[in-house]
Protein backbone atom coordinates (compact mmCIF):
# COMPACT_ATOMS: atom_id res chain seq x y z
CA MET A 1 -72.34 -18.02 -74.15
CA GLU A 2 -71.83 -19.45 -70.67
CA ALA A 3 -75.59 -19.60 -70.14
CA LEU A 4 -76.00 -21.30 -73.51
CA ALA A 5 -73.45 -23.95 -72.49
CA ARG A 6 -75.25 -24.53 -69.17
CA ASN A 7 -78.66 -24.79 -70.86
CA ALA A 8 -77.37 -27.15 -73.56
CA LEU A 9 -76.00 -29.44 -70.86
CA GLN A 10 -79.06 -29.17 -68.61
CA HIS A 11 -81.75 -29.65 -71.26
CA PHE A 12 -80.05 -31.81 -73.89
CA ASN A 13 -77.00 -33.33 -72.18
CA ILE A 14 -74.79 -31.59 -74.74
CA ARG A 15 -71.40 -30.51 -73.44
CA LEU A 16 -70.19 -27.65 -75.63
CA THR A 17 -66.43 -27.33 -75.91
CA PRO A 18 -64.58 -24.02 -76.02
CA ALA A 19 -64.11 -24.51 -79.78
CA GLN A 20 -67.84 -25.05 -80.26
CA LEU A 21 -68.69 -21.97 -78.19
CA THR A 22 -66.25 -19.93 -80.24
CA ALA A 23 -67.85 -21.16 -83.47
CA LEU A 24 -71.33 -20.36 -82.15
CA SER A 25 -70.20 -16.91 -81.09
CA THR A 26 -68.79 -16.29 -84.56
CA TYR A 27 -72.02 -17.54 -86.15
CA GLU A 28 -74.06 -15.27 -83.91
CA ARG A 29 -71.91 -12.23 -84.74
CA GLU A 30 -72.14 -12.94 -88.48
CA LEU A 31 -75.87 -13.56 -88.26
CA LEU A 32 -76.44 -10.22 -86.57
CA GLU A 33 -74.31 -8.43 -89.12
CA TRP A 34 -75.92 -10.03 -92.19
CA ASN A 35 -79.40 -9.92 -90.68
CA ALA A 36 -79.20 -6.12 -90.68
CA LYS A 37 -78.73 -6.25 -94.45
CA PHE A 38 -80.93 -9.17 -95.54
CA ASN A 39 -83.48 -9.87 -92.77
CA LEU A 40 -82.51 -13.51 -92.27
CA THR A 41 -84.40 -13.83 -88.99
CA ALA A 42 -86.80 -11.74 -86.93
CA LEU A 43 -84.61 -12.17 -83.85
CA ARG A 44 -82.22 -9.29 -83.25
CA GLU A 45 -80.98 -9.81 -79.68
CA PRO A 46 -78.17 -12.25 -78.79
CA ALA A 47 -80.15 -13.74 -75.89
CA SER A 48 -83.08 -14.51 -78.19
CA ILE A 49 -80.80 -15.99 -80.84
CA ARG A 50 -79.14 -18.25 -78.28
CA THR A 51 -82.45 -19.46 -76.87
CA LYS A 52 -84.77 -19.56 -79.86
CA HIS A 53 -82.25 -20.55 -82.52
CA PHE A 54 -79.27 -22.30 -80.94
CA LEU A 55 -81.05 -24.18 -78.14
CA ASP A 56 -84.02 -25.00 -80.36
CA SER A 57 -81.59 -26.43 -82.93
CA PHE A 58 -79.96 -28.57 -80.25
CA SER A 59 -83.36 -30.08 -79.44
CA CYS A 60 -82.90 -32.27 -82.54
CA SER A 61 -80.52 -34.31 -80.40
CA LEU A 62 -83.51 -35.59 -78.42
CA ALA A 63 -84.65 -37.51 -81.49
CA TRP A 64 -81.38 -39.37 -82.00
CA GLY A 65 -80.46 -39.87 -78.34
CA ARG A 66 -77.05 -41.45 -77.89
CA ARG A 67 -76.67 -42.33 -81.55
CA PRO A 68 -76.14 -39.11 -83.49
CA PRO A 69 -76.46 -39.43 -87.24
CA ARG A 70 -73.36 -39.73 -89.39
CA ARG A 71 -75.00 -37.37 -91.87
CA LEU A 72 -77.48 -34.57 -91.47
CA ILE A 73 -79.26 -32.55 -94.11
CA ASP A 74 -80.90 -29.16 -93.72
CA VAL A 75 -83.34 -28.57 -96.56
CA GLY A 76 -84.17 -24.89 -96.92
CA THR A 77 -84.91 -24.04 -93.31
CA GLY A 78 -83.46 -20.54 -93.61
CA ALA A 79 -80.46 -18.86 -91.93
CA GLY A 80 -78.96 -22.30 -91.28
CA PHE A 81 -81.30 -23.42 -88.52
CA PRO A 82 -81.51 -26.11 -87.31
CA GLY A 83 -79.06 -27.96 -89.57
CA CYS A 84 -75.92 -25.89 -89.15
CA ARG A 85 -76.33 -25.53 -85.41
CA SER A 86 -77.23 -29.18 -84.95
CA ARG A 87 -73.83 -30.01 -86.38
CA TYR A 88 -72.33 -28.73 -83.14
CA CYS A 89 -74.01 -31.60 -81.31
CA ILE A 90 -72.49 -34.34 -83.44
CA ARG A 91 -69.14 -35.84 -82.55
CA PRO A 92 -66.35 -35.93 -83.44
CA TRP A 93 -65.84 -32.20 -83.53
CA PRO A 94 -62.78 -30.99 -85.42
């Protein structure tokens, strides 16, 4: 998760808090567990999930720049990407 935090800051200027990293770690663990049962995504390795799902989801922040949306909708993208993960970019974070 430390590499994910560094890459989010470097590529998207997103500073992930400890609470956000904990939530992402929980999401990753749950995704791996449920993916074994229901094939939610082709990615099976944590490093791939962090790069190809989490970081890709954060790339949405490039579109809104310094003005994140107050609302965000994810319409059927599967396994919660990018909508759920993009939520971690939007402030305020509980």
